Amino acid sequence: MKKTILTVLIPLLAVALYLGGRYFYFKPKFINGDTVPAFGASLIDGSDFELRQFQGQYVLLDFWASWCGPCRKENPEIVKLYRDFESARFKDADGFKIVSIAVEKREESWKAAIQKDGLYWPWHILDVAESTRFIDSPIAQQFQVREVPTKFLLNPDGKIIAVNPKTEEIRALLDKRKLSK
C-alpha cells in the first residue's frame, strides 16, 4: 500500500514543483506601483528615444518578437487599441503611446513583422538578443522579462498600473480616464 501511494505522490509532487518553479521564473519581476527603469534606445528610423520623453502620458511597453506566435496573434488588437486612443485626451494625462520593444536576432525579421502586422506607431525598438535560447537582450534584462509577450502599462508618472494586461483591460483603464469630447 505504501509503495502504491509513493508511486502516485512522487510524480505529483515533481509536477507541482516543476509548475510552481516555472510560474515563479516567468512571473514578471515588476508589480503595480513600481517605477520602471529609465532607458534609452534607437528607434526604427534611427532617432534617439528616452522613455522619460513620455512623462505625463499613458504608455504601453510591449515586449514582443517576430518569431512569437502569441505576440503576432495579438498585434491586430494592439493596433486597434492604438487607433482608438492615439488622439485621446485623459483627465490625468496628455495622451497614450505604445513603445514596442522587439527581442530579436535579425533586424530583417523585425522590420518585416512590423510592416506585415501594420504596427504604424513610430516607437519601435530592436532589442538584440545574444542567444536564441533565452531572452537576454539588454532592455529585456533591465526589465527582467523572461518571456514574450510581456506588457507593462504605465501611468503618467511612469509607475506601473498593469502587468501583462489583456487589451480589453487596457481599454477599460483608458476609457475610465478618457475625457469626453
N, C-alpha and C. Protein backbone atom coordinates (compact mmCIF):
# COMPACT_ATOMS: atom_id res chain seq x y z
N MET A 1 0.82 -1.20 0.00
CA MET A 1 0.00 0.00 0.00
C MET A 1 0.86 1.25 0.00
N LYS A 2 1.92 1.29 0.87
CA LYS A 2 2.80 2.45 0.92
C LYS A 2 3.49 2.67 -0.42
N LYS A 3 3.89 1.59 -1.05
CA LYS A 3 4.58 1.70 -2.32
C LYS A 3 3.66 2.30 -3.38
N THR A 4 2.40 1.95 -3.39
CA THR A 4 1.44 2.49 -4.35
C THR A 4 1.22 3.98 -4.13
N ILE A 5 1.08 4.38 -2.88
CA ILE A 5 0.90 5.80 -2.57
C ILE A 5 2.12 6.60 -2.99
N LEU A 6 3.30 6.07 -2.71
CA LEU A 6 4.53 6.77 -3.09
C LEU A 6 4.68 6.88 -4.61
N THR A 7 4.29 5.85 -5.33
CA THR A 7 4.42 5.91 -6.80
C THR A 7 3.46 6.94 -7.40
N VAL A 8 2.41 7.29 -6.69
CA VAL A 8 1.49 8.32 -7.16
C VAL A 8 1.93 9.70 -6.64
N LEU A 9 2.31 9.77 -5.37
CA LEU A 9 2.66 11.06 -4.76
C LEU A 9 3.95 11.66 -5.31
N ILE A 10 4.94 10.86 -5.54
CA ILE A 10 6.23 11.39 -6.02
C ILE A 10 6.08 12.06 -7.39
N PRO A 11 5.44 11.42 -8.38
CA PRO A 11 5.27 12.13 -9.66
C PRO A 11 4.40 13.39 -9.52
N LEU A 12 3.36 13.33 -8.69
CA LEU A 12 2.52 14.51 -8.49
C LEU A 12 3.32 15.64 -7.86
N LEU A 13 4.12 15.33 -6.88
CA LEU A 13 4.97 16.32 -6.23
C LEU A 13 5.97 16.91 -7.23
N ALA A 14 6.55 16.06 -8.05
CA ALA A 14 7.50 16.53 -9.06
C ALA A 14 6.84 17.49 -10.05
N VAL A 15 5.64 17.15 -10.48
CA VAL A 15 4.91 18.02 -11.42
C VAL A 15 4.57 19.34 -10.75
N ALA A 16 4.11 19.28 -9.50
CA ALA A 16 3.76 20.50 -8.77
C ALA A 16 4.98 21.39 -8.59
N LEU A 17 6.12 20.83 -8.24
CA LEU A 17 7.35 21.61 -8.09
C LEU A 17 7.78 22.23 -9.41
N TYR A 18 7.68 21.46 -10.48
CA TYR A 18 8.04 21.97 -11.80
C TYR A 18 7.15 23.15 -12.18
N LEU A 19 5.83 22.97 -12.06
CA LEU A 19 4.89 24.04 -12.43
C LEU A 19 5.05 25.27 -11.54
N GLY A 20 5.26 25.06 -10.26
CA GLY A 20 5.47 26.19 -9.35
C GLY A 20 6.75 26.94 -9.69
N GLY A 21 7.82 26.22 -9.94
CA GLY A 21 9.08 26.86 -10.32
C GLY A 21 8.96 27.61 -11.63
N ARG A 22 8.29 27.01 -12.59
CA ARG A 22 8.09 27.66 -13.89
C ARG A 22 7.28 28.94 -13.71
N TYR A 23 6.22 28.91 -12.91
CA TYR A 23 5.39 30.08 -12.66
C TYR A 23 6.24 31.22 -12.09
N PHE A 24 7.01 30.94 -11.06
CA PHE A 24 7.80 32.00 -10.42
C PHE A 24 8.95 32.47 -11.30
N TYR A 25 9.50 31.60 -12.14
CA TYR A 25 10.57 32.01 -13.04
C TYR A 25 10.05 32.99 -14.08
N PHE A 26 8.89 32.70 -14.67
CA PHE A 26 8.35 33.53 -15.75
C PHE A 26 7.54 34.72 -15.27
N LYS A 27 7.20 34.76 -14.02
CA LYS A 27 6.41 35.87 -13.47
C LYS A 27 7.22 37.16 -13.60
N PRO A 28 6.63 38.22 -14.17
CA PRO A 28 7.36 39.49 -14.27
C PRO A 28 7.81 39.97 -12.89
N LYS A 29 8.99 40.55 -12.85
CA LYS A 29 9.58 40.97 -11.58
C LYS A 29 9.04 42.30 -11.08
N PHE A 30 8.42 43.08 -11.95
CA PHE A 30 7.84 44.35 -11.53
C PHE A 30 6.36 44.15 -11.23
N ILE A 31 5.85 44.92 -10.31
CA ILE A 31 4.44 44.83 -9.94
C ILE A 31 3.80 46.22 -10.01
N ASN A 32 2.49 46.25 -9.90
CA ASN A 32 1.79 47.53 -9.90
C ASN A 32 2.34 48.43 -8.81
N GLY A 33 2.54 49.69 -9.17
CA GLY A 33 3.08 50.68 -8.24
C GLY A 33 4.58 50.88 -8.39
N ASP A 34 5.27 49.93 -9.01
CA ASP A 34 6.71 50.09 -9.23
C ASP A 34 6.97 51.15 -10.29
N THR A 35 8.07 51.87 -10.14
CA THR A 35 8.53 52.78 -11.18
C THR A 35 9.46 51.99 -12.09
N VAL A 36 9.25 52.10 -13.38
CA VAL A 36 10.08 51.32 -14.30
C VAL A 36 11.45 51.97 -14.45
N PRO A 37 12.44 51.18 -14.81
CA PRO A 37 13.77 51.74 -15.03
C PRO A 37 13.78 52.69 -16.23
N ALA A 38 14.53 53.75 -16.12
CA ALA A 38 14.71 54.66 -17.25
C ALA A 38 15.58 53.96 -18.28
N PHE A 39 15.28 54.16 -19.53
CA PHE A 39 16.13 53.58 -20.57
C PHE A 39 16.05 54.43 -21.82
N GLY A 40 17.06 54.27 -22.63
CA GLY A 40 17.12 54.93 -23.92
C GLY A 40 17.49 53.90 -24.97
N ALA A 41 17.17 54.21 -26.21
CA ALA A 41 17.47 53.29 -27.31
C ALA A 41 17.35 54.05 -28.62
N SER A 42 17.65 53.36 -29.70
CA SER A 42 17.44 53.90 -31.04
C SER A 42 16.13 53.34 -31.58
N LEU A 43 15.36 54.20 -32.22
CA LEU A 43 14.12 53.78 -32.84
C LEU A 43 14.37 53.24 -34.24
N ILE A 44 13.35 52.69 -34.83
CA ILE A 44 13.46 52.07 -36.15
C ILE A 44 13.96 53.05 -37.21
N ASP A 45 13.64 54.34 -37.04
CA ASP A 45 14.09 55.35 -38.01
C ASP A 45 15.48 55.90 -37.69
N GLY A 46 16.11 55.36 -36.64
CA GLY A 46 17.46 55.79 -36.27
C GLY A 46 17.49 56.92 -35.25
N SER A 47 16.35 57.51 -34.93
CA SER A 47 16.34 58.60 -33.95
C SER A 47 16.48 58.05 -32.53
N ASP A 48 16.91 58.93 -31.63
CA ASP A 48 17.09 58.54 -30.23
C ASP A 48 15.76 58.55 -29.51
N PHE A 49 15.65 57.66 -28.53
CA PHE A 49 14.45 57.55 -27.72
C PHE A 49 14.85 57.47 -26.25
N GLU A 50 14.11 58.19 -25.43
CA GLU A 50 14.24 58.11 -23.97
C GLU A 50 12.83 57.93 -23.43
N LEU A 51 12.63 56.97 -22.56
CA LEU A 51 11.30 56.74 -22.01
C LEU A 51 10.75 57.98 -21.31
N ARG A 52 11.64 58.74 -20.70
CA ARG A 52 11.17 59.92 -19.95
C ARG A 52 10.50 60.97 -20.84
N GLN A 53 10.68 60.89 -22.16
CA GLN A 53 10.02 61.85 -23.05
C GLN A 53 8.50 61.66 -23.03
N PHE A 54 8.01 60.54 -22.51
CA PHE A 54 6.58 60.29 -22.44
C PHE A 54 6.01 60.53 -21.05
N GLN A 55 6.78 61.21 -20.20
CA GLN A 55 6.26 61.60 -18.89
C GLN A 55 4.98 62.40 -19.11
N GLY A 56 3.94 62.11 -18.33
CA GLY A 56 2.67 62.82 -18.48
C GLY A 56 1.69 62.12 -19.41
N GLN A 57 2.07 60.93 -19.91
CA GLN A 57 1.20 60.18 -20.81
C GLN A 57 1.09 58.74 -20.33
N TYR A 58 0.03 58.08 -20.76
CA TYR A 58 -0.05 56.64 -20.55
C TYR A 58 0.83 55.98 -21.59
N VAL A 59 1.57 54.96 -21.16
CA VAL A 59 2.49 54.28 -22.06
C VAL A 59 2.33 52.77 -21.89
N LEU A 60 2.19 52.09 -23.02
CA LEU A 60 2.21 50.63 -23.02
C LEU A 60 3.57 50.19 -23.52
N LEU A 61 4.35 49.53 -22.65
CA LEU A 61 5.61 48.92 -23.06
C LEU A 61 5.27 47.50 -23.47
N ASP A 62 5.49 47.19 -24.73
CA ASP A 62 5.12 45.89 -25.29
C ASP A 62 6.37 45.14 -25.73
N PHE A 63 6.81 44.17 -24.92
CA PHE A 63 7.93 43.31 -25.29
C PHE A 63 7.36 42.18 -26.14
N TRP A 64 7.86 42.04 -27.35
CA TRP A 64 7.33 41.07 -28.30
C TRP A 64 8.46 40.57 -29.19
N ALA A 65 8.12 39.71 -30.16
CA ALA A 65 9.11 39.23 -31.12
C ALA A 65 8.40 38.77 -32.39
N SER A 66 9.09 38.88 -33.50
CA SER A 66 8.52 38.46 -34.78
C SER A 66 8.31 36.95 -34.82
N TRP A 67 9.10 36.22 -34.06
CA TRP A 67 9.02 34.75 -34.03
C TRP A 67 8.03 34.23 -33.00
N CYS A 68 7.36 35.12 -32.27
CA CYS A 68 6.45 34.74 -31.19
C CYS A 68 5.02 34.68 -31.72
N GLY A 69 4.47 33.48 -31.83
CA GLY A 69 3.10 33.29 -32.32
C GLY A 69 2.06 34.07 -31.52
N PRO A 70 2.05 33.95 -30.19
CA PRO A 70 1.06 34.71 -29.41
C PRO A 70 1.20 36.23 -29.59
N CYS A 71 2.43 36.72 -29.74
CA CYS A 71 2.65 38.16 -29.96
C CYS A 71 2.00 38.59 -31.27
N ARG A 72 2.27 37.84 -32.30
CA ARG A 72 1.76 38.19 -33.63
C ARG A 72 0.25 38.08 -33.68
N LYS A 73 -0.30 37.12 -32.95
CA LYS A 73 -1.75 36.94 -32.92
C LYS A 73 -2.45 38.12 -32.26
N GLU A 74 -1.84 38.72 -31.23
CA GLU A 74 -2.49 39.83 -30.55
C GLU A 74 -2.17 41.19 -31.18
N ASN A 75 -1.26 41.25 -32.13
CA ASN A 75 -0.91 42.53 -32.76
C ASN A 75 -2.11 43.26 -33.37
N PRO A 76 -3.06 42.58 -34.05
CA PRO A 76 -4.22 43.33 -34.56
C PRO A 76 -5.02 44.01 -33.45
N GLU A 77 -5.12 43.39 -32.29
CA GLU A 77 -5.83 44.01 -31.16
C GLU A 77 -5.08 45.24 -30.66
N ILE A 78 -3.76 45.16 -30.65
CA ILE A 78 -2.96 46.29 -30.18
C ILE A 78 -3.05 47.45 -31.17
N VAL A 79 -3.05 47.12 -32.47
CA VAL A 79 -3.22 48.16 -33.49
C VAL A 79 -4.57 48.87 -33.30
N LYS A 80 -5.62 48.11 -33.07
CA LYS A 80 -6.95 48.69 -32.86
C LYS A 80 -6.96 49.54 -31.59
N LEU A 81 -6.33 49.07 -30.53
CA LEU A 81 -6.25 49.83 -29.29
C LEU A 81 -5.56 51.18 -29.54
N TYR A 82 -4.45 51.16 -30.25
CA TYR A 82 -3.73 52.40 -30.53
C TYR A 82 -4.58 53.33 -31.40
N ARG A 83 -5.21 52.75 -32.41
CA ARG A 83 -6.05 53.57 -33.30
C ARG A 83 -7.16 54.27 -32.50
N ASP A 84 -7.73 53.56 -31.53
CA ASP A 84 -8.84 54.11 -30.74
C ASP A 84 -8.38 55.17 -29.73
N PHE A 85 -7.11 55.13 -29.29
CA PHE A 85 -6.68 56.04 -28.23
C PHE A 85 -5.53 56.97 -28.60
N GLU A 86 -5.01 56.89 -29.82
CA GLU A 86 -3.84 57.69 -30.16
C GLU A 86 -4.09 59.19 -30.08
N SER A 87 -5.31 59.63 -30.29
CA SER A 87 -5.63 61.07 -30.23
C SER A 87 -6.43 61.43 -28.98
N ALA A 88 -6.63 60.47 -28.11
CA ALA A 88 -7.47 60.71 -26.92
C ALA A 88 -6.75 61.60 -25.92
N ARG A 89 -7.55 62.33 -25.17
CA ARG A 89 -7.07 63.12 -24.05
C ARG A 89 -7.69 62.54 -22.80
N PHE A 90 -6.96 62.62 -21.72
CA PHE A 90 -7.38 61.99 -20.49
C PHE A 90 -7.46 63.00 -19.36
N LYS A 91 -8.18 62.65 -18.31
CA LYS A 91 -8.32 63.52 -17.14
C LYS A 91 -6.97 63.83 -16.51
N ASP A 92 -6.07 62.86 -16.54
CA ASP A 92 -4.80 63.00 -15.83
C ASP A 92 -3.58 62.81 -16.73
N ALA A 93 -3.78 62.82 -18.05
CA ALA A 93 -2.65 62.58 -18.96
C ALA A 93 -2.87 63.29 -20.29
N ASP A 94 -1.76 63.52 -20.98
CA ASP A 94 -1.80 64.21 -22.27
C ASP A 94 -2.05 63.28 -23.44
N GLY A 95 -1.89 61.96 -23.25
CA GLY A 95 -2.08 61.06 -24.37
C GLY A 95 -1.73 59.63 -24.03
N PHE A 96 -1.70 58.79 -25.07
CA PHE A 96 -1.40 57.37 -24.95
C PHE A 96 -0.40 57.00 -26.03
N LYS A 97 0.65 56.31 -25.64
CA LYS A 97 1.68 55.88 -26.58
C LYS A 97 1.95 54.39 -26.39
N ILE A 98 2.39 53.75 -27.47
CA ILE A 98 2.86 52.37 -27.39
C ILE A 98 4.32 52.36 -27.79
N VAL A 99 5.14 51.74 -26.95
CA VAL A 99 6.55 51.54 -27.25
C VAL A 99 6.74 50.04 -27.42
N SER A 100 7.03 49.62 -28.64
CA SER A 100 7.22 48.20 -28.95
C SER A 100 8.70 47.87 -28.87
N ILE A 101 9.02 46.92 -28.03
CA ILE A 101 10.42 46.50 -27.83
C ILE A 101 10.52 45.06 -28.30
N ALA A 102 11.15 44.87 -29.44
CA ALA A 102 11.23 43.55 -30.05
C ALA A 102 12.53 42.85 -29.66
N VAL A 103 12.39 41.67 -29.09
CA VAL A 103 13.53 40.84 -28.72
C VAL A 103 13.82 39.95 -29.92
N GLU A 104 14.87 40.27 -30.63
CA GLU A 104 15.13 39.63 -31.93
C GLU A 104 16.61 39.30 -32.11
N LYS A 105 16.87 38.42 -33.06
CA LYS A 105 18.23 38.17 -33.52
C LYS A 105 18.47 38.86 -34.86
N ARG A 106 17.40 39.00 -35.66
CA ARG A 106 17.56 39.51 -37.02
C ARG A 106 16.70 40.75 -37.26
N GLU A 107 17.33 41.81 -37.65
CA GLU A 107 16.63 43.07 -37.93
C GLU A 107 15.62 42.93 -39.05
N GLU A 108 15.95 42.13 -40.06
CA GLU A 108 15.05 41.97 -41.21
C GLU A 108 13.71 41.38 -40.78
N SER A 109 13.75 40.38 -39.91
CA SER A 109 12.51 39.75 -39.43
C SER A 109 11.66 40.74 -38.66
N TRP A 110 12.30 41.56 -37.84
CA TRP A 110 11.63 42.58 -37.04
C TRP A 110 10.91 43.57 -37.95
N LYS A 111 11.62 44.12 -38.92
CA LYS A 111 11.04 45.12 -39.82
C LYS A 111 9.91 44.51 -40.65
N ALA A 112 10.09 43.29 -41.11
CA ALA A 112 9.04 42.63 -41.90
C ALA A 112 7.77 42.42 -41.07
N ALA A 113 7.93 42.03 -39.82
CA ALA A 113 6.76 41.80 -38.94
C ALA A 113 6.03 43.11 -38.66
N ILE A 114 6.76 44.19 -38.44
CA ILE A 114 6.14 45.50 -38.21
C ILE A 114 5.30 45.88 -39.43
N GLN A 115 5.87 45.71 -40.59
CA GLN A 115 5.17 46.05 -41.84
C GLN A 115 3.95 45.16 -42.04
N LYS A 116 4.14 43.86 -41.92
CA LYS A 116 3.05 42.91 -42.17
C LYS A 116 1.90 43.08 -41.19
N ASP A 117 2.22 43.35 -39.92
CA ASP A 117 1.19 43.46 -38.89
C ASP A 117 0.60 44.87 -38.78
N GLY A 118 1.13 45.82 -39.56
CA GLY A 118 0.58 47.18 -39.58
C GLY A 118 0.78 47.94 -38.29
N LEU A 119 1.92 47.73 -37.64
CA LEU A 119 2.23 48.43 -36.38
C LEU A 119 2.73 49.83 -36.75
N TYR A 120 1.82 50.77 -36.89
CA TYR A 120 2.14 52.04 -37.53
C TYR A 120 2.67 53.14 -36.60
N TRP A 121 2.70 52.92 -35.30
CA TRP A 121 3.27 53.95 -34.42
C TRP A 121 4.78 53.96 -34.60
N PRO A 122 5.43 55.07 -34.31
CA PRO A 122 6.86 55.20 -34.63
C PRO A 122 7.83 54.68 -33.56
N TRP A 123 7.33 54.26 -32.42
CA TRP A 123 8.23 53.92 -31.31
C TRP A 123 8.53 52.43 -31.27
N HIS A 124 9.36 52.01 -32.22
CA HIS A 124 9.78 50.60 -32.33
C HIS A 124 11.26 50.51 -32.01
N ILE A 125 11.57 49.61 -31.08
CA ILE A 125 12.95 49.43 -30.63
C ILE A 125 13.36 47.99 -30.89
N LEU A 126 14.53 47.81 -31.49
CA LEU A 126 15.11 46.48 -31.68
C LEU A 126 16.03 46.22 -30.51
N ASP A 127 15.70 45.20 -29.73
CA ASP A 127 16.48 44.80 -28.56
C ASP A 127 17.14 43.48 -28.92
N VAL A 128 18.38 43.54 -29.39
CA VAL A 128 19.05 42.38 -29.96
C VAL A 128 19.39 41.35 -28.88
N ALA A 129 18.90 40.12 -29.11
CA ALA A 129 19.16 39.01 -28.20
C ALA A 129 20.52 38.39 -28.51
N GLU A 130 21.21 37.98 -27.46
CA GLU A 130 22.53 37.36 -27.62
C GLU A 130 22.42 35.90 -28.02
N SER A 131 21.37 35.23 -27.56
CA SER A 131 21.21 33.82 -27.91
C SER A 131 19.77 33.57 -28.30
N THR A 132 19.52 32.44 -28.93
CA THR A 132 18.16 32.10 -29.32
C THR A 132 17.44 31.32 -28.22
N ARG A 133 18.14 30.86 -27.22
CA ARG A 133 17.52 30.06 -26.16
C ARG A 133 16.85 30.91 -25.10
N PHE A 134 17.39 32.09 -24.82
CA PHE A 134 16.90 32.89 -23.71
C PHE A 134 16.64 34.32 -24.17
N ILE A 135 15.79 35.00 -23.44
CA ILE A 135 15.56 36.42 -23.69
C ILE A 135 16.62 37.16 -22.89
N ASP A 136 17.73 37.42 -23.56
CA ASP A 136 18.87 38.02 -22.86
C ASP A 136 19.30 39.34 -23.49
N SER A 137 18.38 40.00 -24.13
CA SER A 137 18.70 41.29 -24.73
C SER A 137 18.75 42.35 -23.63
N PRO A 138 19.47 43.45 -23.86
CA PRO A 138 19.72 44.43 -22.78
C PRO A 138 18.48 45.04 -22.13
N ILE A 139 17.52 45.51 -22.91
CA ILE A 139 16.35 46.14 -22.30
C ILE A 139 15.47 45.09 -21.62
N ALA A 140 15.32 43.94 -22.26
CA ALA A 140 14.53 42.86 -21.64
C ALA A 140 15.16 42.44 -20.32
N GLN A 141 16.49 42.40 -20.26
CA GLN A 141 17.15 42.07 -18.99
C GLN A 141 16.91 43.16 -17.95
N GLN A 142 16.97 44.40 -18.37
CA GLN A 142 16.74 45.52 -17.44
C GLN A 142 15.34 45.42 -16.82
N PHE A 143 14.37 44.96 -17.61
CA PHE A 143 13.00 44.81 -17.13
C PHE A 143 12.74 43.40 -16.58
N GLN A 144 13.75 42.56 -16.62
CA GLN A 144 13.67 41.18 -16.16
C GLN A 144 12.55 40.41 -16.86
N VAL A 145 12.43 40.64 -18.16
CA VAL A 145 11.46 39.94 -18.98
C VAL A 145 11.99 38.54 -19.25
N ARG A 146 11.18 37.54 -18.98
CA ARG A 146 11.58 36.14 -19.16
C ARG A 146 10.89 35.47 -20.33
N GLU A 147 9.80 36.10 -20.81
CA GLU A 147 9.08 35.54 -21.95
C GLU A 147 8.36 36.67 -22.68
N VAL A 148 8.06 36.41 -23.94
CA VAL A 148 7.25 37.35 -24.71
C VAL A 148 5.97 36.64 -25.11
N PRO A 149 4.88 37.36 -25.18
CA PRO A 149 4.75 38.78 -24.89
C PRO A 149 4.75 39.08 -23.40
N THR A 150 5.30 40.23 -23.06
CA THR A 150 5.21 40.80 -21.72
C THR A 150 4.87 42.27 -21.90
N LYS A 151 3.93 42.74 -21.11
CA LYS A 151 3.48 44.13 -21.24
C LYS A 151 3.44 44.81 -19.88
N PHE A 152 3.73 46.11 -19.92
CA PHE A 152 3.60 46.97 -18.73
C PHE A 152 2.85 48.22 -19.16
N LEU A 153 1.74 48.52 -18.49
CA LEU A 153 1.04 49.77 -18.74
C LEU A 153 1.47 50.75 -17.66
N LEU A 154 1.96 51.91 -18.11
CA LEU A 154 2.47 52.93 -17.19
C LEU A 154 1.51 54.10 -17.10
N ASN A 155 1.41 54.66 -15.93
CA ASN A 155 0.60 55.86 -15.75
C ASN A 155 1.44 57.09 -16.12
N PRO A 156 0.87 58.29 -16.08
CA PRO A 156 1.61 59.49 -16.48
C PRO A 156 2.85 59.79 -15.63
N ASP A 157 2.94 59.19 -14.43
CA ASP A 157 4.11 59.37 -13.57
C ASP A 157 5.18 58.31 -13.81
N GLY A 158 4.95 57.40 -14.76
CA GLY A 158 5.92 56.35 -15.05
C GLY A 158 5.83 55.16 -14.11
N LYS A 159 4.73 55.05 -13.39
CA LYS A 159 4.53 53.91 -12.50
C LYS A 159 3.67 52.86 -13.20
N ILE A 160 3.96 51.61 -12.90
CA ILE A 160 3.21 50.51 -13.50
C ILE A 160 1.81 50.46 -12.89
N ILE A 161 0.80 50.43 -13.77
CA ILE A 161 -0.57 50.26 -13.28
C ILE A 161 -1.17 48.94 -13.75
N ALA A 162 -0.48 48.22 -14.63
CA ALA A 162 -0.94 46.89 -15.05
C ALA A 162 0.24 46.10 -15.60
N VAL A 163 0.36 44.86 -15.17
CA VAL A 163 1.40 43.95 -15.65
C VAL A 163 0.71 42.87 -16.48
N ASN A 164 1.16 42.71 -17.71
CA ASN A 164 0.60 41.75 -18.65
C ASN A 164 -0.92 41.87 -18.80
N PRO A 165 -1.41 43.10 -18.96
CA PRO A 165 -2.85 43.24 -19.14
C PRO A 165 -3.29 42.79 -20.53
N LYS A 166 -4.48 42.29 -20.62
CA LYS A 166 -5.08 41.98 -21.92
C LYS A 166 -5.54 43.32 -22.52
N THR A 167 -5.72 43.35 -23.83
CA THR A 167 -6.10 44.61 -24.47
C THR A 167 -7.43 45.13 -23.94
N GLU A 168 -8.35 44.23 -23.57
CA GLU A 168 -9.63 44.68 -23.01
C GLU A 168 -9.42 45.41 -21.68
N GLU A 169 -8.47 44.93 -20.89
CA GLU A 169 -8.17 45.58 -19.61
C GLU A 169 -7.58 46.97 -19.83
N ILE A 170 -6.67 47.08 -20.80
CA ILE A 170 -6.08 48.38 -21.11
C ILE A 170 -7.16 49.34 -21.58
N ARG A 171 -8.02 48.84 -22.46
CA ARG A 171 -9.12 49.65 -22.99
C ARG A 171 -10.01 50.15 -21.85
N ALA A 172 -10.34 49.27 -20.91
CA ALA A 172 -11.20 49.65 -19.78
C ALA A 172 -10.52 50.71 -18.91
N LEU A 173 -9.23 50.53 -18.63
CA LEU A 173 -8.50 51.51 -17.83
C LEU A 173 -8.46 52.88 -18.52
N LEU A 174 -8.19 52.89 -19.82
CA LEU A 174 -8.11 54.15 -20.54
C LEU A 174 -9.49 54.79 -20.72
N ASP A 175 -10.49 53.98 -20.98
CA ASP A 175 -11.86 54.52 -21.13
C ASP A 175 -12.31 55.24 -19.86
N LYS A 176 -11.98 54.69 -18.69
CA LYS A 176 -12.37 55.31 -17.42
C LYS A 176 -11.75 56.69 -17.25
N ARG A 177 -10.56 56.87 -17.82
CA ARG A 177 -9.83 58.12 -17.62
C ARG A 177 -9.95 59.10 -18.78
N LYS A 178 -10.59 58.66 -19.84
CA LYS A 178 -10.71 59.46 -21.07
C LYS A 178 -11.68 60.61 -20.87
N LEU A 179 -11.30 61.77 -21.39
CA LEU A 179 -12.20 62.93 -21.37
C LEU A 179 -13.23 62.74 -22.49
N SER A 180 -14.46 63.08 -22.21
CA SER A 180 -15.47 63.01 -23.26
C SER A 180 -15.28 64.20 -24.20
N LYS A 181 -15.69 64.03 -25.42
CA LYS A 181 -15.47 65.07 -26.45
C LYS A 181 -16.30 66.28 -26.23
